[in-house]
Protein backbone atom coordinates (compact mmCIF):
# COMPACT_ATOMS: atom_id res chain seq x y z
CA MET A 1 -2.75 2.11 -3.11
CA THR A 2 -6.07 1.68 -4.96
CA THR A 3 -7.52 -1.21 -6.65
CA ASP A 4 -5.13 -1.14 -9.52
CA ALA A 5 -7.80 -2.05 -12.30
CA THR A 6 -9.68 0.97 -11.41
CA TYR A 7 -7.78 3.42 -13.43
CA MET A 8 -5.64 1.51 -15.45
CA MET A 9 -7.63 -0.54 -18.14
CA ASP A 10 -6.79 -0.19 -21.52
CA GLY A 11 -3.71 -0.08 -23.79
CA GLY A 12 -0.63 1.57 -22.39
CA ALA A 13 -2.48 1.94 -18.95
CA ALA A 14 -3.02 -2.04 -18.91
CA VAL A 15 0.73 -2.43 -19.34
CA ALA A 16 1.49 0.04 -16.93
CA ARG A 17 -0.86 -2.00 -14.29
CA MET A 18 0.97 -4.98 -14.90
CA LEU A 19 4.48 -3.20 -14.43
CA LYS A 20 3.23 -1.48 -11.30
CA ARG A 21 2.23 -4.85 -9.71
CA MET A 22 5.92 -5.98 -10.43
CA GLY A 23 7.21 -2.96 -9.07
CA ARG A 24 8.69 -1.57 -11.96
CA TRP A 25 7.48 2.25 -11.64
CA ASP A 26 9.87 3.58 -14.01
CA GLU A 27 8.95 1.31 -17.04
CA ALA A 28 5.35 1.81 -16.26
CA LEU A 29 5.46 5.44 -16.36
CA ALA A 30 7.23 5.12 -19.76
CA ALA A 31 4.50 2.94 -20.98
CA LEU A 32 1.57 5.32 -19.94
CA PRO A 33 -0.16 7.70 -22.51
CA THR A 34 0.50 11.40 -22.21
CA ASP A 35 -2.79 12.13 -21.29
CA ALA A 36 -3.10 9.39 -18.34
CA VAL A 37 -2.97 12.21 -15.50
CA ALA A 38 -4.65 9.74 -13.01
CA GLU A 39 -2.54 6.76 -13.52
CA ARG A 40 0.74 8.98 -13.76
CA ALA A 41 -0.09 10.29 -10.09
CA GLU A 42 -1.07 7.01 -8.96
CA LEU A 43 2.20 5.61 -9.97
CA LEU A 44 4.52 8.24 -8.78
CA VAL A 45 2.83 7.98 -5.03
CA ASP A 46 3.09 4.21 -4.94
CA SER A 47 6.91 4.68 -6.03
CA PHE A 48 7.40 7.32 -3.30
CA TRP A 49 5.78 4.75 -0.83
CA TRP A 50 8.03 1.88 -1.60
CA ARG A 51 11.45 3.63 -2.51
CA LEU A 52 11.08 7.03 -0.07
CA HIS A 53 12.08 9.14 -2.85
CA GLY A 54 10.60 11.45 -5.73
CA SER A 55 7.91 13.24 -3.13
CA GLU A 56 8.16 16.51 -5.17
CA GLU A 57 7.25 14.63 -8.55
CA ALA A 58 4.42 12.69 -7.06
CA GLU A 59 2.98 16.01 -5.29
CA GLU A 60 3.21 17.74 -8.55
CA ALA A 61 1.43 14.87 -10.49
CA VAL A 62 -1.35 14.78 -7.90
CA GLY A 63 -1.63 18.52 -8.20
CA ALA A 64 -2.36 18.14 -11.82
CA LEU A 65 -5.54 16.04 -10.79
CA LEU A 66 -6.98 18.66 -8.56
CA GLN A 67 -9.44 20.17 -11.04
CA THR A 68 -10.46 17.00 -12.67
CA GLY A 69 -10.56 14.47 -9.95
CA PRO A 70 -10.37 16.26 -6.52
CA ILE A 71 -11.35 13.04 -4.23
CA LEU A 72 -8.80 11.12 -5.99
CA ALA A 73 -6.14 13.81 -5.70
CA GLY A 74 -7.06 14.22 -1.82
CA TYR A 75 -6.65 10.40 -1.51
CA LEU A 76 -3.42 10.06 -3.19
CA GLY A 77 -2.01 13.23 -1.36
CA ALA A 78 -3.09 11.65 1.76
CA GLN A 79 -0.69 8.66 1.03
CA ILE A 80 2.16 11.14 0.38
CA ARG A 81 1.53 12.68 3.64
CA TYR A 82 1.21 9.48 5.54
CA THR A 83 4.68 8.34 4.18
CA ARG A 84 6.24 11.62 5.28
CA LEU A 85 4.66 11.30 8.81
CA LEU A 86 5.67 7.49 9.23
CA PHE A 87 9.23 7.51 7.98
CA ASP A 88 9.90 11.03 9.35
CA LEU A 89 10.51 12.40 5.63
CA GLY A 90 10.41 16.16 6.53
CA PRO A 91 6.67 16.05 7.59
CA ARG A 92 4.88 19.43 7.37
CA PRO A 93 2.67 20.75 10.31
CA ASP A 94 -0.76 20.01 8.55
CA ASP A 95 0.20 16.44 7.33
CA LEU A 96 -1.83 14.46 9.85
CA GLN A 97 -4.68 16.66 9.40
CA GLN A 98 -4.83 16.70 5.55
CA ALA A 99 -3.82 12.91 5.62
CA ARG A 100 -6.95 12.13 7.66
CA GLN A 101 -9.22 14.54 5.64
CA GLY A 102 -8.13 12.97 2.26
CA PHE A 103 -8.67 9.47 3.33
CA ALA A 104 -12.12 10.25 5.12
CA ALA A 105 -13.32 12.03 1.84
CA ALA A 106 -12.33 8.94 -0.24
CA ARG A 107 -14.51 6.68 1.79
CA ASP A 108 -17.60 8.09 0.09
CA ASP A 109 -16.00 7.19 -3.37
CA VAL A 110 -17.14 3.58 -4.61
CA PRO A 111 -13.84 2.67 -6.34
CA LEU A 112 -11.63 4.02 -3.37
CA ALA A 113 -13.72 3.13 -0.27
CA GLY A 114 -12.29 0.05 0.94
CA TRP A 115 -8.55 1.52 0.49
CA ALA A 116 -9.43 4.59 2.07
CA THR A 117 -11.06 2.85 4.85
CA PHE A 118 -7.71 0.52 5.33
CA TRP A 119 -5.55 3.68 5.17
CA LEU A 120 -7.33 5.40 7.92
CA GLY A 121 -6.66 2.25 9.84
CA VAL A 122 -2.96 2.34 9.54
CA LEU A 123 -3.33 6.05 10.12
CA ALA A 124 -4.85 5.19 13.36
CA ASP A 125 -2.43 2.40 14.01
CA ASN A 126 0.97 3.90 13.41
CA ILE A 127 0.42 7.61 13.84
CA ASP A 128 -2.46 8.00 16.40
CA GLU A 129 -1.41 4.67 18.23
CA ASP A 130 -5.22 3.68 18.40
CA PRO A 131 -5.25 0.01 17.83
CA HIS A 132 -9.00 -0.03 18.57
CA THR A 133 -10.08 2.28 15.88
CA ALA A 134 -7.36 0.82 13.64
CA GLY A 135 -9.00 -2.59 14.32
CA ALA A 136 -12.41 -1.79 13.27
CA ALA A 137 -11.16 -0.16 10.12
CA TYR A 138 -9.13 -3.14 8.85
CA GLN A 139 -12.00 -5.27 9.36
CA GLN A 140 -14.24 -2.89 7.39
CA ALA A 141 -11.68 -3.24 4.60
CA LEU A 142 -11.71 -6.92 4.68
CA LYS A 143 -15.31 -7.04 4.50
CA HIS A 144 -15.18 -4.67 1.43
CA ALA A 145 -12.23 -6.53 -0.26
CA ARG A 146 -14.23 -9.66 -0.08
CA ASP A 147 -17.56 -8.17 -1.05
CA HIS A 148 -15.74 -6.78 -4.25
CA SER A 149 -13.09 -9.36 -4.73
CA ASP A 150 -10.40 -7.10 -4.27
CA ALA A 151 -7.46 -9.70 -3.26
CA LEU A 152 -4.65 -7.26 -2.84
CA LEU A 153 -6.94 -5.00 -0.39
CA GLU A 154 -7.76 -8.44 1.52
CA SER A 155 -4.12 -9.06 1.63
CA TYR A 156 -3.47 -5.74 3.26
CA ALA A 157 -6.39 -6.28 5.58
CA ALA A 158 -5.35 -9.47 6.57
CA ARG A 159 -1.61 -8.66 7.36
CA HIS A 160 -2.67 -5.96 9.64
CA LEU A 161 -5.21 -7.96 11.34
CA GLY A 162 -2.67 -10.67 11.74
CA ASP A 163 -0.27 -8.36 13.61
CA HIS A 164 -3.07 -7.22 15.87
CA LEU A 165 -3.92 -10.90 16.57
CA LEU A 166 -0.15 -12.11 17.58
CA ASP A 167 -0.40 -11.11 21.05
CA HIS A 168 -3.40 -12.84 22.19
CA ASP A 169 -3.78 -15.70 19.41
CA HIS A 170 -0.53 -15.92 17.93
CA GLU A 171 -1.78 -19.07 15.74
CA HIS A 172 -4.68 -17.33 14.06
CA GLY A 173 -2.36 -14.36 13.55
CA ILE A 174 0.30 -16.33 11.77
CA ALA A 175 -2.44 -17.60 9.66
CA GLN A 176 -3.30 -14.26 8.58
CA LEU A 177 -0.06 -13.15 8.01
CA ARG A 178 0.61 -16.23 5.69
CA ARG A 179 -2.81 -15.59 3.62
CA SER A 180 -1.53 -12.07 3.00
CA TYR A 181 1.96 -13.52 1.68
CA HIS A 182 -0.12 -16.15 -0.58
CA LEU A 183 -2.47 -13.54 -1.93
CA ARG A 184 0.25 -11.30 -2.71
CA ALA A 185 2.26 -14.10 -4.21
CA ALA A 186 -0.68 -15.15 -6.32
CA LEU A 187 -1.09 -11.72 -7.64
CA GLY A 188 2.34 -11.08 -8.65
CA ALA A 189 2.63 -8.37 -6.45
CA ARG A 190 6.25 -8.15 -5.99
CA PRO A 191 7.03 -5.25 -3.70
CA GLN A 192 4.17 -6.42 -1.14
CA THR A 193 5.06 -10.05 -1.52
CA ALA A 194 8.60 -9.18 -0.48
CA ALA A 195 7.30 -7.09 2.64
CA ALA A 196 4.95 -9.78 3.78
CA ALA A 197 7.51 -12.56 3.31
CA LEU A 198 9.62 -10.24 5.66
CA THR A 199 6.85 -9.74 8.24
CA LEU A 200 5.91 -13.57 8.32
CA ALA A 201 9.57 -14.56 8.83
CA ALA A 202 9.81 -12.05 11.76
CA GLU A 203 7.21 -14.19 13.51
CA LEU A 204 8.07 -17.74 12.83
CA PRO A 205 10.44 -19.76 14.97
CA PRO A 206 13.96 -19.71 13.71
CA GLY A 207 14.45 -22.25 10.93
CA ALA A 208 14.55 -22.97 7.11
CA GLU A 209 11.44 -21.39 6.41
CA ALA A 210 12.13 -17.96 7.96
CA ASP A 211 15.53 -17.98 6.31
CA GLN A 212 14.12 -18.58 2.96
CA LEU A 213 11.24 -15.86 3.29
CA ARG A 214 14.07 -13.45 4.42
CA GLU A 215 16.15 -14.48 1.50
CA ALA A 216 13.37 -13.93 -1.03
CA ALA A 217 12.63 -10.68 0.59
CA GLY A 218 16.12 -9.43 0.47
CA LEU A 219 16.38 -10.49 -3.36
CA THR A 220 13.52 -8.45 -4.13
CA ALA A 221 14.10 -5.54 -2.15
CA ARG A 222 17.64 -5.23 -3.79
CA GLU A 223 16.33 -5.53 -7.21
CA LEU A 224 13.52 -3.06 -7.02
CA GLY A 225 15.20 -0.80 -4.65
CA LEU A 226 12.53 -0.76 -1.79
CA THR A 227 14.11 1.40 0.22
CA TRP A 228 12.13 0.87 3.67
CA LEU A 229 12.25 -2.83 3.19
CA LEU A 230 15.96 -2.72 2.84
CA ARG A 231 16.36 -0.98 6.03
CA ALA A 232 14.12 -3.63 7.90
CA LEU A 233 16.50 -6.35 6.42
């Protein structure tokens, strides 16, 4: 993910940005101008993350960026590699190293800095099993998000910080998960909202609210074909 206004601003790209928020990746791709190389790569990488198919097409699109946008290409390629590692989708021997390098390089790129820091956090959390490094990265990403009014990034940082808080400050952890859910819903980010709903439901006591959140997550996951979310359900 990036702040999705960074590379998608005008004309068909603006329509694609709105469709991407809705989880309508195929329609978003159809709306793009033929010369929108960066936007196409970003859409395909995002689609691969949520649906866990289309990796070859995503890699090809990222490869087309290497000459004109090497930092963005490295960053998006790192997302592909992290997705393979996290979901065990035939990871390659150099995936971890290349993912780390791609995210680290993007921290020096102003439009990508906050997101790259966040992704380094999840890499530390879920692959390296280093919660201390991960927590520091999430805090940095949260500060960047607030400094730059990036509510979607804030929702991601809040969700992961909330997860870290649950063991020793459950109430504060739930508050962070709930904030993540509300931010995503306000932004109309349907895949992210569904994921936040399921995460929050899992930490709430049994009852009507948890049931409704799971139901909402399931409806969205089935409609949009959100593969890993469907598995979690």
